[in-house]
C-alpha atoms as a PDB file:
ATOM      1  CA  MET A   1      23.866  11.543 -21.868  1.00  0.00           C
ATOM      2  CA  ALA A   2      25.569  12.365 -18.560  1.00  0.00           C
ATOM      3  CA  LYS A   3      23.641  11.876 -15.353  1.00  0.00           C
ATOM      4  CA  LYS A   4      22.712  15.015 -13.478  1.00  0.00           C
ATOM      5  CA  PRO A   5      24.457  15.027 -10.072  1.00  0.00           C
ATOM      6  CA  LYS A   6      22.231  14.782  -7.022  1.00  0.00           C
ATOM      7  CA  ARG A   7      21.919  17.760  -4.741  1.00  0.00           C
ATOM      8  CA  PRO A   8      22.744  17.272  -1.054  1.00  0.00           C
ATOM      9  CA  ARG A   9      19.765  16.701   1.243  1.00  0.00           C
ATOM     10  CA  ASP A  10      21.223  18.707   4.112  1.00  0.00           C
ATOM     11  CA  ILE A  11      19.961  22.300   3.863  1.00  0.00           C
ATOM     12  CA  ASN A  12      23.263  23.767   5.072  1.00  0.00           C
ATOM     13  CA  THR A  13      25.301  21.856   2.498  1.00  0.00           C
ATOM     14  CA  LEU A  14      22.848  22.876  -0.207  1.00  0.00           C
ATOM     15  CA  ALA A  15      23.135  26.529   0.830  1.00  0.00           C
ATOM     16  CA  SER A  16      26.913  26.229   0.764  1.00  0.00           C
ATOM     17  CA  ASN A  17      26.761  24.789  -2.760  1.00  0.00           C
ATOM     18  CA  ILE A  18      24.513  27.620  -3.940  1.00  0.00           C
ATOM     19  CA  VAL A  19      26.917  30.230  -2.587  1.00  0.00           C
ATOM     20  CA  LEU A  20      29.928  28.461  -4.125  1.00  0.00           C
ATOM     21  CA  CYS A  21      28.173  28.215  -7.468  1.00  0.00           C
ATOM     22  CA  ALA A  22      27.251  31.897  -7.396  1.00  0.00           C
ATOM     23  CA  THR A  23      30.712  33.121  -6.361  1.00  0.00           C
ATOM     24  CA  GLU A  24      33.157  30.631  -7.880  1.00  0.00           C
ATOM     25  CA  GLY A  25      31.072  29.001 -10.577  1.00  0.00           C
ATOM     26  CA  GLU A  26      31.619  25.353  -9.607  1.00  0.00           C
ATOM     27  CA  PRO A  27      29.637  23.730  -6.773  1.00  0.00           C
ATOM     28  CA  MET A  28      30.917  20.830  -4.726  1.00  0.00           C
ATOM     29  CA  ILE A  29      29.163  17.583  -5.585  1.00  0.00           C
ATOM     30  CA  TYR A  30      28.327  15.137  -2.813  1.00  0.00           C
ATOM     31  CA  GLU A  31      27.470  11.634  -3.960  1.00  0.00           C
ATOM     32  CA  ASP A  32      28.357   9.689  -0.834  1.00  0.00           C
ATOM     33  CA  ASN A  33      25.169   8.169   0.528  1.00  0.00           C
ATOM     34  CA  GLY A  34      27.004   6.438   3.391  1.00  0.00           C
ATOM     35  CA  LYS A  35      26.575   2.949   1.954  1.00  0.00           C
ATOM     36  CA  ASP A  36      29.224   0.518   0.809  1.00  0.00           C
ATOM     37  CA  PRO A  37      28.549  -0.216  -2.898  1.00  0.00           C
ATOM     38  CA  ASN A  38      29.704  -3.823  -2.495  1.00  0.00           C
ATOM     39  CA  ALA A  39      27.305  -4.405   0.404  1.00  0.00           C
ATOM     40  CA  VAL A  40      24.464  -2.829  -1.568  1.00  0.00           C
ATOM     41  CA  ALA A  41      25.175  -5.127  -4.521  1.00  0.00           C
ATOM     42  CA  LEU A  42      25.226  -8.211  -2.281  1.00  0.00           C
ATOM     43  CA  GLY A  43      21.984  -7.220  -0.573  1.00  0.00           C
ATOM     44  CA  ARG A  44      20.253  -6.664  -3.875  1.00  0.00           C
ATOM     45  CA  LYS A  45      21.499  -9.985  -5.199  1.00  0.00           C
ATOM     46  CA  GLY A  46      20.109 -11.806  -2.150  1.00  0.00           C
ATOM     47  CA  GLY A  47      16.816  -9.932  -2.339  1.00  0.00           C
ATOM     48  CA  LEU A  48      16.318 -10.874  -5.970  1.00  0.00           C
ATOM     49  CA  ARG A  49      16.916 -14.540  -5.213  1.00  0.00           C
ATOM     50  CA  GLY A  50      14.914 -14.582  -1.977  1.00  0.00           C
ATOM     51  CA  GLY A  51      11.550 -13.758  -3.527  1.00  0.00           C
ATOM     52  CA  ILE A  52      11.859 -16.506  -6.093  1.00  0.00           C
ATOM     53  CA  ALA A  53      12.885 -19.065  -3.464  1.00  0.00           C
ATOM     54  CA  ARG A  54       9.988 -18.067  -1.205  1.00  0.00           C
ATOM     55  CA  GLY A  55       7.535 -18.343  -4.080  1.00  0.00           C
ATOM     56  CA  LYS A  56       8.697 -21.868  -4.866  1.00  0.00           C
ATOM     57  CA  LYS A  57       8.425 -22.899  -1.218  1.00  0.00           C
ATOM     58  CA  LEU A  58       4.825 -21.697  -0.733  1.00  0.00           C
ATOM     59  CA  THR A  59       1.851 -23.930  -1.412  1.00  0.00           C
ATOM     60  CA  ALA A  60      -0.942 -22.805  -3.724  1.00  0.00           C
ATOM     61  CA  LYS A  61      -3.195 -22.223  -0.704  1.00  0.00           C
ATOM     62  CA  GLU A  62      -0.561 -20.036   1.026  1.00  0.00           C
ATOM     63  CA  ARG A  63      -0.022 -17.983  -2.149  1.00  0.00           C
ATOM     64  CA  SER A  64      -3.778 -17.518  -2.461  1.00  0.00           C
ATOM     65  CA  GLU A  65      -4.073 -16.318   1.156  1.00  0.00           C
ATOM     66  CA  ILE A  66      -1.229 -13.828   0.687  1.00  0.00           C
ATOM     67  CA  ALA A  67      -2.830 -12.524  -2.516  1.00  0.00           C
ATOM     68  CA  LYS A  68      -6.225 -12.129  -0.806  1.00  0.00           C
ATOM     69  CA  LYS A  69      -4.653 -10.226   2.082  1.00  0.00           C
ATOM     70  CA  GLY A  70      -2.901  -7.882  -0.358  1.00  0.00           C
ATOM     71  CA  ALA A  71      -6.085  -7.318  -2.352  1.00  0.00           C
ATOM     72  CA  GLU A  72      -8.035  -6.521   0.820  1.00  0.00           C
ATOM     73  CA  THR A  73      -5.372  -4.031   1.880  1.00  0.00           C
ATOM     74  CA  ARG A  74      -5.371  -2.335  -1.540  1.00  0.00           C
ATOM     75  CA  TRP A  75      -9.173  -2.222  -1.560  1.00  0.00           C
ATOM     76  CA  LYS A  76      -9.242  -0.696   1.919  1.00  0.00           C
ATOM     77  CA  LYS A  77      -6.716   1.970   0.877  1.00  0.00           C
ATOM     78  CA  SER A  78      -8.685   2.871  -2.252  1.00  0.00           C
ATOM     79  CA  GLN A  79     -11.887   3.162  -0.191  1.00  0.00           C
ATOM     80  CA  ASP A  80     -10.142   5.502   2.286  1.00  0.00           C
ATOM     81  CA  ASP A  81      -8.917   7.774  -0.534  1.00  0.00           C
ATOM     82  CA  GLY A  82     -12.297   8.194  -2.198  1.00  0.00           C
END
């Protein structure tokens, strides 16, 4: 199944696409998000490795403190919502 193309975020470009679609039948498709795909791939690769390396480096006590801090934050957020 083909992916549905993303609509532009800029309101003027979106309006232009709507007019083109209504008058000519084929809108322009903008898929450039301003990022270099190779740089994005490298960043993701490093991010995936970094979490694992950090986890191995931490002691059990440090991991426990981080988990407690996260739980407290989540608990505080759920108390604020209700």
